[in-house]
N, C-alpha and C. Protein backbone atom coordinates (compact mmCIF):
# COMPACT_ATOMS: atom_id res chain seq x y z
N MET A 1 112.11 203.59 109.88
CA MET A 1 110.84 204.50 109.96
C MET A 1 110.33 204.75 108.60
N ILE A 2 109.08 204.55 108.40
CA ILE A 2 108.33 204.68 107.20
C ILE A 2 107.86 206.16 107.09
N ALA A 3 108.29 206.76 105.93
CA ALA A 3 107.81 208.19 105.67
C ALA A 3 106.22 208.20 105.61
N PRO A 4 105.70 209.38 106.04
CA PRO A 4 104.31 209.44 105.90
C PRO A 4 103.71 209.39 104.55
N ILE A 5 104.39 209.80 103.50
CA ILE A 5 103.96 209.79 102.17
C ILE A 5 103.94 208.25 101.79
N GLU A 6 104.77 207.52 102.21
CA GLU A 6 104.84 206.04 101.91
C GLU A 6 103.72 205.40 102.42
N LYS A 7 103.37 205.72 103.67
CA LYS A 7 102.10 205.01 104.47
C LYS A 7 100.96 205.44 103.68
N GLU A 8 100.80 206.64 103.21
CA GLU A 8 99.73 207.12 102.42
C GLU A 8 99.55 206.40 101.14
N ILE A 9 100.60 206.16 100.49
CA ILE A 9 100.68 205.53 99.14
C ILE A 9 100.22 204.12 99.36
N VAL A 10 100.73 203.39 100.36
CA VAL A 10 100.52 202.00 100.65
C VAL A 10 98.98 201.80 100.99
N LYS A 11 98.44 202.81 101.84
CA LYS A 11 96.95 202.73 102.08
C LYS A 11 96.14 202.90 100.86
N LEU A 12 96.50 203.82 100.06
CA LEU A 12 95.79 204.10 98.65
C LEU A 12 95.96 202.89 97.83
N LEU A 13 97.03 202.28 97.81
CA LEU A 13 97.24 201.04 96.93
C LEU A 13 96.24 199.98 97.39
N GLU A 14 96.20 199.76 98.80
CA GLU A 14 95.39 198.75 99.19
C GLU A 14 93.84 198.96 98.95
N LEU A 15 93.45 200.29 98.85
CA LEU A 15 92.19 200.71 98.64
C LEU A 15 91.83 200.49 97.18
N GLY A 16 92.84 200.60 96.33
CA GLY A 16 92.76 200.64 94.84
C GLY A 16 92.46 202.09 94.40
N ASP A 17 92.83 203.14 95.16
CA ASP A 17 92.62 204.42 94.94
C ASP A 17 93.62 204.88 93.72
N LYS A 18 93.06 205.52 92.73
CA LYS A 18 93.99 205.85 91.68
C LYS A 18 94.92 207.04 92.00
N LYS A 19 94.67 207.76 93.10
CA LYS A 19 95.50 208.79 93.55
C LYS A 19 96.91 208.18 93.85
N ALA A 20 96.96 206.84 94.13
CA ALA A 20 98.28 206.13 94.55
C ALA A 20 99.20 206.29 93.43
N ILE A 21 98.67 206.06 92.17
CA ILE A 21 99.49 206.05 90.98
C ILE A 21 100.24 207.41 90.83
N SER A 22 99.41 208.39 91.00
CA SER A 22 99.91 209.85 90.95
C SER A 22 101.04 210.00 91.89
N LEU A 23 100.79 209.71 93.22
CA LEU A 23 101.70 209.85 94.22
C LEU A 23 102.99 208.96 93.95
N LEU A 24 102.80 207.82 93.44
CA LEU A 24 104.03 207.02 93.16
C LEU A 24 104.83 207.68 92.01
N TYR A 25 104.24 208.11 91.08
CA TYR A 25 104.96 208.83 89.98
C TYR A 25 105.64 209.91 90.45
N GLU A 26 104.98 210.80 91.16
CA GLU A 26 105.70 211.99 91.69
C GLU A 26 106.85 211.60 92.54
N ASN A 27 106.76 210.75 93.33
CA ASN A 27 107.87 210.40 94.35
C ASN A 27 108.85 209.34 93.90
N TYR A 28 108.59 208.56 92.94
CA TYR A 28 109.51 207.50 92.70
C TYR A 28 109.79 207.37 91.13
N ALA A 29 109.19 208.19 90.33
CA ALA A 29 109.52 207.95 88.74
C ALA A 29 110.92 208.21 88.43
N ASP A 30 111.60 209.30 89.04
CA ASP A 30 112.92 209.61 88.75
C ASP A 30 113.87 208.50 89.11
N ALA A 31 113.65 207.99 90.44
CA ALA A 31 114.56 206.97 90.95
C ALA A 31 114.40 205.66 90.11
N LEU A 32 113.04 205.36 89.77
CA LEU A 32 112.90 204.05 88.97
C LEU A 32 113.42 204.35 87.58
N TYR A 33 113.32 205.53 86.98
CA TYR A 33 113.94 205.79 85.64
C TYR A 33 115.46 205.61 85.64
N GLY A 34 116.11 205.93 86.73
CA GLY A 34 117.45 205.73 87.02
C GLY A 34 117.84 204.28 87.03
N VAL A 35 116.96 203.50 87.68
CA VAL A 35 117.28 202.00 87.74
C VAL A 35 117.09 201.45 86.32
N ILE A 36 116.03 201.90 85.66
CA ILE A 36 115.80 201.30 84.27
C ILE A 36 117.07 201.78 83.38
N LYS A 37 117.52 202.92 83.46
CA LYS A 37 118.56 203.40 82.67
C LYS A 37 119.93 202.77 82.84
N LYS A 38 120.17 202.05 83.98
CA LYS A 38 121.26 201.25 84.22
C LYS A 38 121.18 199.97 83.37
N VAL A 39 119.95 199.57 82.97
CA VAL A 39 119.83 198.38 82.21
C VAL A 39 119.68 198.75 80.66
N ILE A 40 118.91 199.81 80.39
CA ILE A 40 118.62 200.17 78.97
C ILE A 40 119.14 201.69 78.81
N SER A 41 120.05 201.75 77.74
CA SER A 41 120.66 202.93 77.43
C SER A 41 119.70 203.98 76.63
N ASP A 42 118.93 203.38 75.72
CA ASP A 42 118.17 204.20 74.91
C ASP A 42 116.91 204.87 75.81
N ASP A 43 116.86 206.27 75.66
CA ASP A 43 115.92 207.07 76.43
C ASP A 43 114.60 206.67 76.04
N GLU A 44 114.26 206.48 74.87
CA GLU A 44 112.79 206.25 74.37
C GLU A 44 112.38 204.91 74.95
N THR A 45 113.20 203.94 74.82
CA THR A 45 112.90 202.59 75.34
C THR A 45 112.83 202.54 76.84
N ALA A 46 113.72 203.34 77.41
CA ALA A 46 113.59 203.35 78.98
C ALA A 46 112.38 204.08 79.39
N GLN A 47 111.88 205.05 78.71
CA GLN A 47 110.60 205.81 79.01
C GLN A 47 109.46 204.75 78.78
N ASP A 48 109.38 203.94 77.72
CA ASP A 48 108.42 203.02 77.61
C ASP A 48 108.53 201.99 78.73
N VAL A 49 109.67 201.53 79.21
CA VAL A 49 109.79 200.57 80.26
C VAL A 49 109.31 201.14 81.53
N LEU A 50 109.51 202.42 81.84
CA LEU A 50 109.04 203.14 83.06
C LEU A 50 107.57 202.96 82.95
N GLN A 51 106.85 203.34 81.85
CA GLN A 51 105.49 203.33 81.64
C GLN A 51 104.85 202.01 81.95
N GLU A 52 105.51 200.91 81.29
CA GLU A 52 105.17 199.41 81.58
C GLU A 52 105.20 199.14 82.96
N SER A 53 106.35 199.63 83.68
CA SER A 53 106.53 199.34 85.07
C SER A 53 105.46 199.93 85.91
N PHE A 54 104.99 201.13 85.65
CA PHE A 54 103.81 201.66 86.33
C PHE A 54 102.56 200.99 86.11
N VAL A 55 102.31 200.43 84.87
CA VAL A 55 101.09 199.64 84.61
C VAL A 55 101.07 198.40 85.51
N LYS A 56 102.43 197.80 85.49
CA LYS A 56 102.44 196.48 86.36
C LYS A 56 102.20 196.87 87.79
N ILE A 57 102.79 197.93 88.15
CA ILE A 57 102.68 198.43 89.69
C ILE A 57 101.20 198.58 90.04
N TRP A 58 100.52 199.10 89.03
CA TRP A 58 99.06 199.33 89.37
C TRP A 58 98.30 197.93 89.30
N ARG A 59 98.59 197.13 88.28
CA ARG A 59 97.97 195.76 88.28
C ARG A 59 98.23 194.94 89.46
N TYR A 60 99.37 195.04 90.03
CA TYR A 60 99.64 194.21 91.06
C TYR A 60 99.64 195.04 92.44
N ALA A 61 99.07 196.10 92.52
CA ALA A 61 99.11 197.03 93.65
C ALA A 61 98.53 196.18 94.95
N LYS A 62 97.49 195.45 94.76
CA LYS A 62 96.86 194.76 95.90
C LYS A 62 97.81 193.63 96.44
N LYS A 63 98.61 193.28 95.62
CA LYS A 63 99.62 192.04 96.04
C LYS A 63 100.81 192.51 96.99
N TYR A 64 101.01 193.90 96.94
CA TYR A 64 102.07 194.41 97.73
C TYR A 64 101.73 194.23 99.16
N ASP A 65 102.85 193.69 99.88
CA ASP A 65 102.78 193.33 101.28
C ASP A 65 103.99 194.00 101.93
N ALA A 66 103.60 195.02 102.70
CA ALA A 66 104.63 195.77 103.42
C ALA A 66 105.38 194.96 104.38
N THR A 67 104.92 193.82 104.85
CA THR A 67 105.68 192.98 105.84
C THR A 67 106.89 192.32 105.01
N LYS A 68 106.81 192.10 103.66
CA LYS A 68 107.78 191.39 103.00
C LYS A 68 108.88 192.27 102.44
N ALA A 69 108.43 193.54 102.03
CA ALA A 69 109.35 194.55 101.47
C ALA A 69 109.03 195.83 101.66
N LYS A 70 110.08 196.75 101.54
CA LYS A 70 109.73 198.15 101.70
C LYS A 70 109.11 198.54 100.31
N LEU A 71 108.27 199.62 100.20
CA LEU A 71 107.73 200.04 99.06
C LEU A 71 108.82 200.20 97.90
N PHE A 72 109.79 200.97 98.15
CA PHE A 72 110.72 201.15 97.16
C PHE A 72 111.35 199.98 96.61
N THR A 73 111.65 199.02 97.51
CA THR A 73 112.25 197.78 97.06
C THR A 73 111.30 196.97 96.18
N TRP A 74 110.01 196.94 96.46
CA TRP A 74 108.99 196.33 95.73
C TRP A 74 109.01 197.04 94.19
N LEU A 75 108.92 198.36 94.26
CA LEU A 75 108.86 199.19 93.01
C LEU A 75 110.07 198.93 92.28
N TYR A 76 111.31 198.91 92.89
CA TYR A 76 112.55 198.71 92.24
C TYR A 76 112.62 197.34 91.49
N ARG A 77 112.10 196.27 92.13
CA ARG A 77 112.08 194.97 91.55
C ARG A 77 111.25 194.96 90.37
N ILE A 78 110.12 195.57 90.36
CA ILE A 78 109.17 195.59 89.24
C ILE A 78 109.91 196.20 88.08
N ALA A 79 110.39 197.41 88.27
CA ALA A 79 111.09 198.33 87.28
C ALA A 79 112.31 197.61 86.70
N TYR A 80 113.12 197.04 87.55
CA TYR A 80 114.27 196.36 87.04
C TYR A 80 113.90 195.06 86.31
N ASN A 81 113.02 194.27 86.78
CA ASN A 81 112.59 193.02 86.10
C ASN A 81 111.96 193.32 84.62
N THR A 82 111.22 194.43 84.63
CA THR A 82 110.62 194.88 83.42
C THR A 82 111.62 195.27 82.43
N ALA A 83 112.56 195.97 82.92
CA ALA A 83 113.70 196.41 82.00
C ALA A 83 114.62 195.18 81.44
N ILE A 84 114.81 194.28 82.27
CA ILE A 84 115.39 193.02 81.85
C ILE A 84 114.57 192.28 80.87
N ASP A 85 113.28 192.21 81.09
CA ASP A 85 112.31 191.56 80.06
C ASP A 85 112.38 192.22 78.80
N LYS A 86 112.45 193.59 78.76
CA LYS A 86 112.53 194.37 77.62
C LYS A 86 113.66 194.14 76.78
N VAL A 87 114.94 193.99 77.48
CA VAL A 87 116.16 193.80 76.91
C VAL A 87 116.12 192.32 76.18
N ARG A 88 115.63 191.45 76.85
CA ARG A 88 115.56 190.06 76.40
C ARG A 88 114.57 190.05 75.15
N SER A 89 113.44 190.75 75.24
CA SER A 89 112.52 190.82 74.22
C SER A 89 113.10 191.44 72.87
N LEU A 90 113.83 192.51 73.12
CA LEU A 90 114.42 193.15 72.06
C LEU A 90 115.54 192.27 71.28
N LYS A 91 116.25 191.53 72.05
CA LYS A 91 117.30 190.60 71.54
C LYS A 91 116.55 189.60 70.80
N ASN A 92 115.49 189.06 71.37
CA ASN A 92 114.74 187.98 70.45
C ASN A 92 114.20 188.48 69.21
N LYS A 93 113.64 189.71 69.21
CA LYS A 93 113.14 190.23 67.91
C LYS A 93 114.04 190.55 66.99
N SER A 94 115.25 191.07 67.48
CA SER A 94 116.34 191.56 66.45
C SER A 94 116.91 190.38 65.75
N GLY A 95 116.95 189.22 66.30
CA GLY A 95 117.54 188.03 65.69
C GLY A 95 116.55 187.34 64.78
N LYS A 96 115.25 187.64 64.62
CA LYS A 96 114.25 186.98 63.84
C LYS A 96 113.85 187.83 62.68
N GLU A 97 114.38 187.67 61.59
CA GLU A 97 114.01 188.26 60.25
C GLU A 97 113.20 187.35 59.47
N VAL A 98 112.08 187.92 58.95
CA VAL A 98 111.32 187.00 57.92
C VAL A 98 112.01 186.85 56.64
N GLN A 99 112.24 185.64 56.22
CA GLN A 99 112.92 185.34 55.09
C GLN A 99 111.81 184.86 54.03
N ILE A 100 111.19 185.79 53.26
CA ILE A 100 110.13 185.45 52.35
C ILE A 100 110.59 184.65 51.27
N GLU A 101 111.74 184.85 50.72
CA GLU A 101 112.32 184.11 49.53
C GLU A 101 112.33 182.51 49.88
N THR A 102 112.67 182.30 51.18
CA THR A 102 113.00 180.93 51.49
C THR A 102 111.80 180.28 52.37
N SER A 103 110.69 180.85 52.36
CA SER A 103 109.54 180.41 53.02
C SER A 103 109.05 179.10 52.58
N VAL A 104 108.66 178.25 53.45
CA VAL A 104 108.15 176.89 53.08
C VAL A 104 106.81 176.64 53.48
N VAL A 105 106.13 177.84 53.75
CA VAL A 105 104.67 177.82 54.21
C VAL A 105 103.85 177.13 53.22
N TYR A 106 104.02 177.40 51.90
CA TYR A 106 103.21 176.85 50.91
C TYR A 106 103.57 175.54 50.19
N THR A 107 104.70 175.02 50.76
CA THR A 107 105.23 173.79 50.29
C THR A 107 104.88 172.64 51.13
N PHE A 108 104.13 172.86 52.24
CA PHE A 108 103.66 171.67 53.10
C PHE A 108 102.63 170.91 52.42
N THR A 109 102.85 169.60 52.58
CA THR A 109 101.63 168.65 52.15
C THR A 109 101.23 167.99 53.27
N ALA A 110 100.09 167.26 53.09
CA ALA A 110 99.51 166.57 54.27
C ALA A 110 100.50 165.42 54.69
N ASP A 111 101.52 164.91 53.70
CA ASP A 111 102.36 163.82 54.00
C ASP A 111 103.51 164.40 54.86
N SER A 112 103.84 165.72 54.60
CA SER A 112 104.96 166.21 55.41
C SER A 112 104.60 166.63 56.92
N ILE A 113 103.31 166.66 57.22
CA ILE A 113 103.02 167.06 58.68
C ILE A 113 103.06 165.75 59.31
N ASN A 114 103.72 165.88 60.59
CA ASN A 114 103.66 164.62 61.46
C ASN A 114 102.38 164.46 62.13
N GLN A 115 101.59 163.47 61.65
CA GLN A 115 100.31 163.23 62.14
C GLN A 115 100.17 162.97 63.62
N ASP A 116 101.23 162.33 64.15
CA ASP A 116 101.31 161.97 65.54
C ASP A 116 101.15 163.24 66.48
N VAL A 117 101.69 164.43 66.19
CA VAL A 117 101.54 165.47 66.95
C VAL A 117 100.36 166.42 66.87
N LEU A 118 99.43 166.01 65.92
CA LEU A 118 98.32 166.81 65.79
C LEU A 118 97.33 166.64 67.01
N ASP A 119 97.47 165.56 67.72
CA ASP A 119 96.54 165.20 68.87
C ASP A 119 97.24 165.59 70.22
N ILE A 120 98.17 166.71 70.12
CA ILE A 120 98.84 167.09 71.25
C ILE A 120 97.88 167.60 72.49
N LYS A 121 96.82 168.40 72.15
CA LYS A 121 96.00 168.80 73.09
C LYS A 121 95.27 167.56 73.81
N LYS A 122 95.04 166.48 73.06
CA LYS A 122 94.47 165.27 73.71
C LYS A 122 95.49 164.62 74.69
N HIS A 123 96.70 164.52 74.18
CA HIS A 123 97.66 164.00 75.23
C HIS A 123 98.12 164.88 76.26
N LEU A 124 97.86 166.07 76.13
CA LEU A 124 98.19 167.08 77.25
C LEU A 124 97.24 166.91 78.39
N LYS A 125 95.98 166.51 78.04
CA LYS A 125 94.97 166.22 78.99
C LYS A 125 95.18 165.14 79.88
N THR A 126 96.21 164.23 79.46
CA THR A 126 96.60 162.96 80.30
C THR A 126 97.58 163.53 81.40
N LEU A 127 98.14 164.65 81.33
CA LEU A 127 99.14 165.13 82.32
C LEU A 127 98.38 165.66 83.53
N ASP A 128 99.13 165.81 84.72
CA ASP A 128 98.39 166.42 85.79
C ASP A 128 98.15 167.82 85.43
N GLU A 129 96.99 168.35 86.12
CA GLU A 129 96.51 169.72 85.77
C GLU A 129 97.57 170.78 85.95
N LYS A 130 98.44 170.65 86.90
CA LYS A 130 99.50 171.75 87.16
C LYS A 130 100.33 171.77 85.99
N TYR A 131 100.76 170.74 85.30
CA TYR A 131 101.55 170.71 84.09
C TYR A 131 100.76 171.30 82.89
N GLN A 132 99.54 170.89 82.79
CA GLN A 132 98.65 171.32 81.78
C GLN A 132 98.53 172.83 81.66
N ILE A 133 98.29 173.46 82.89
CA ILE A 133 98.06 174.89 82.96
C ILE A 133 99.32 175.65 82.55
N VAL A 134 100.63 175.21 82.88
CA VAL A 134 101.77 175.88 82.54
C VAL A 134 102.10 175.74 80.93
N ILE A 135 101.87 174.50 80.48
CA ILE A 135 102.12 174.20 79.08
C ILE A 135 101.09 175.05 78.24
N ASN A 136 99.78 175.02 78.61
CA ASN A 136 98.83 175.82 77.91
C ASN A 136 99.16 177.29 77.88
N ALA A 137 99.66 177.80 79.00
CA ALA A 137 99.93 179.22 79.00
C ALA A 137 101.09 179.56 78.21
N LEU A 138 102.14 178.70 78.19
CA LEU A 138 103.30 178.98 77.47
C LEU A 138 103.22 178.77 75.89
N PHE A 139 102.62 177.64 75.64
CA PHE A 139 102.58 177.27 74.10
C PHE A 139 101.35 177.65 73.40
N PHE A 140 100.20 177.55 74.05
CA PHE A 140 98.96 177.82 73.34
C PHE A 140 98.44 179.31 73.61
N GLU A 141 98.85 179.98 74.71
CA GLU A 141 98.52 181.25 74.84
C GLU A 141 99.59 182.35 74.65
N GLY A 142 100.82 181.74 74.32
CA GLY A 142 101.93 182.57 73.91
C GLY A 142 102.55 183.42 74.97
N MET A 143 102.48 183.00 76.21
CA MET A 143 102.99 183.74 77.28
C MET A 143 104.49 183.44 77.49
N THR A 144 105.26 184.48 77.95
CA THR A 144 106.55 184.13 78.30
C THR A 144 106.48 183.47 79.85
N GLN A 145 107.60 182.81 80.23
CA GLN A 145 107.69 182.28 81.51
C GLN A 145 107.29 183.29 82.61
N GLN A 146 107.89 184.51 82.43
CA GLN A 146 107.56 185.62 83.41
C GLN A 146 106.02 185.94 83.48
N GLU A 147 105.59 186.11 82.21
CA GLU A 147 104.15 186.41 82.22
C GLU A 147 103.25 185.32 82.74
N ALA A 148 103.56 184.05 82.47
CA ALA A 148 102.80 182.98 83.05
C ALA A 148 102.86 183.04 84.52
N SER A 149 104.14 183.23 85.15
CA SER A 149 104.37 183.36 86.48
C SER A 149 103.46 184.37 87.19
N ASP A 150 103.39 185.61 86.52
CA ASP A 150 102.59 186.61 87.00
C ASP A 150 101.20 186.37 86.89
N GLU A 151 100.78 185.89 85.80
CA GLU A 151 99.29 185.67 85.58
C GLU A 151 98.71 184.51 86.40
N LEU A 152 99.44 183.46 86.58
CA LEU A 152 99.09 182.41 87.35
C LEU A 152 99.31 182.40 88.73
N ASP A 153 100.16 183.49 89.08
CA ASP A 153 100.54 183.65 90.55
C ASP A 153 101.31 182.43 90.97
N ILE A 154 102.20 181.92 90.20
CA ILE A 154 103.08 180.83 90.62
C ILE A 154 104.48 181.28 90.39
N PRO A 155 105.39 180.96 91.34
CA PRO A 155 106.81 181.38 91.39
C PRO A 155 107.46 181.00 89.97
N LEU A 156 108.31 181.80 89.47
CA LEU A 156 109.06 181.55 88.23
C LEU A 156 109.65 180.23 88.30
N GLY A 157 110.27 179.86 89.30
CA GLY A 157 111.07 178.62 89.28
C GLY A 157 110.14 177.48 89.22
N THR A 158 108.92 177.58 89.72
CA THR A 158 107.88 176.51 89.67
C THR A 158 107.45 176.28 88.22
N ILE A 159 107.30 177.62 87.56
CA ILE A 159 106.88 177.48 86.13
C ILE A 159 107.89 176.67 85.34
N LYS A 160 109.07 176.97 85.61
CA LYS A 160 110.15 176.32 84.85
C LYS A 160 110.26 174.80 85.09
N SER A 161 110.03 174.45 86.41
CA SER A 161 110.08 173.01 86.84
C SER A 161 108.83 172.30 86.19
N ARG A 162 107.68 172.99 86.29
CA ARG A 162 106.54 172.18 85.68
C ARG A 162 106.56 172.16 84.26
N LEU A 163 107.14 173.01 83.60
CA LEU A 163 107.34 172.95 82.17
C LEU A 163 108.25 171.85 81.71
N LYS A 164 109.34 171.78 82.46
CA LYS A 164 110.28 170.66 82.26
C LYS A 164 109.75 169.31 82.47
N ILE A 165 109.15 169.22 83.56
CA ILE A 165 108.45 167.81 83.89
C ILE A 165 107.27 167.54 82.83
N GLY A 166 106.39 168.54 82.63
CA GLY A 166 105.41 168.36 81.63
C GLY A 166 105.79 167.96 80.17
N LEU A 167 106.97 168.58 79.83
CA LEU A 167 107.54 168.25 78.49
C LEU A 167 108.18 166.96 78.58
N ARG A 168 108.76 166.47 79.64
CA ARG A 168 109.27 165.25 79.83
C ARG A 168 108.22 164.10 79.77
N GLU A 169 107.06 164.29 80.38
CA GLU A 169 105.97 163.40 80.40
C GLU A 169 105.42 163.30 78.88
N LEU A 170 105.32 164.37 78.18
CA LEU A 170 104.79 164.33 76.74
C LEU A 170 105.81 163.60 75.93
N LYS A 171 107.09 163.72 76.16
CA LYS A 171 108.07 163.03 75.47
C LYS A 171 107.94 161.48 75.44
N LYS A 172 107.70 161.13 76.70
CA LYS A 172 107.30 159.64 76.92
C LYS A 172 106.20 159.18 76.02
N ILE A 173 105.12 160.00 75.70
CA ILE A 173 104.11 159.67 75.09
C ILE A 173 104.48 159.56 73.53
N TYR A 174 105.25 160.53 73.07
CA TYR A 174 105.55 160.69 71.59
C TYR A 174 106.87 159.83 71.27
N ASN A 175 107.74 159.56 72.25
CA ASN A 175 108.99 158.80 72.01
C ASN A 175 109.06 157.67 73.11
N PRO A 176 108.28 156.64 73.02
CA PRO A 176 108.20 155.65 74.16
C PRO A 176 109.45 154.88 74.14
């Protein structure tokens, strides 16, 4: 049995009514914060992730389908996945320090640049469009695989498969 408040929230989400986000926060913020805290122990980071989660919830509100999942299940998945993404992001950032003393930025010469890869966008156009779209999103627009999945409305597994196939096809061009 669906609670009346949940029905109201779902209706407001479908209409794009901003009252939905207030009701969601009032009714689900504590539970979602608990979900996030199981993944992220730092309170400040967990609060940031909660805020990011609500931004995503609002952004994807019209995609919510009550026939596929209960409202809380949908909210839970968004919050949990956002927390996991944040943990991965923090791990990636912490391992990358800028080493100014050993920088080779100014030591490149025209001879040291592989001239064969400068035309990658030209070769990319020879691939099927579905592979082009994924490679463009990931490499030229700087999206993560999850962001590309969300933005392009393509399942994450499909993003990964298309990336693998697309890169394999490019490799055939550069390493015949």
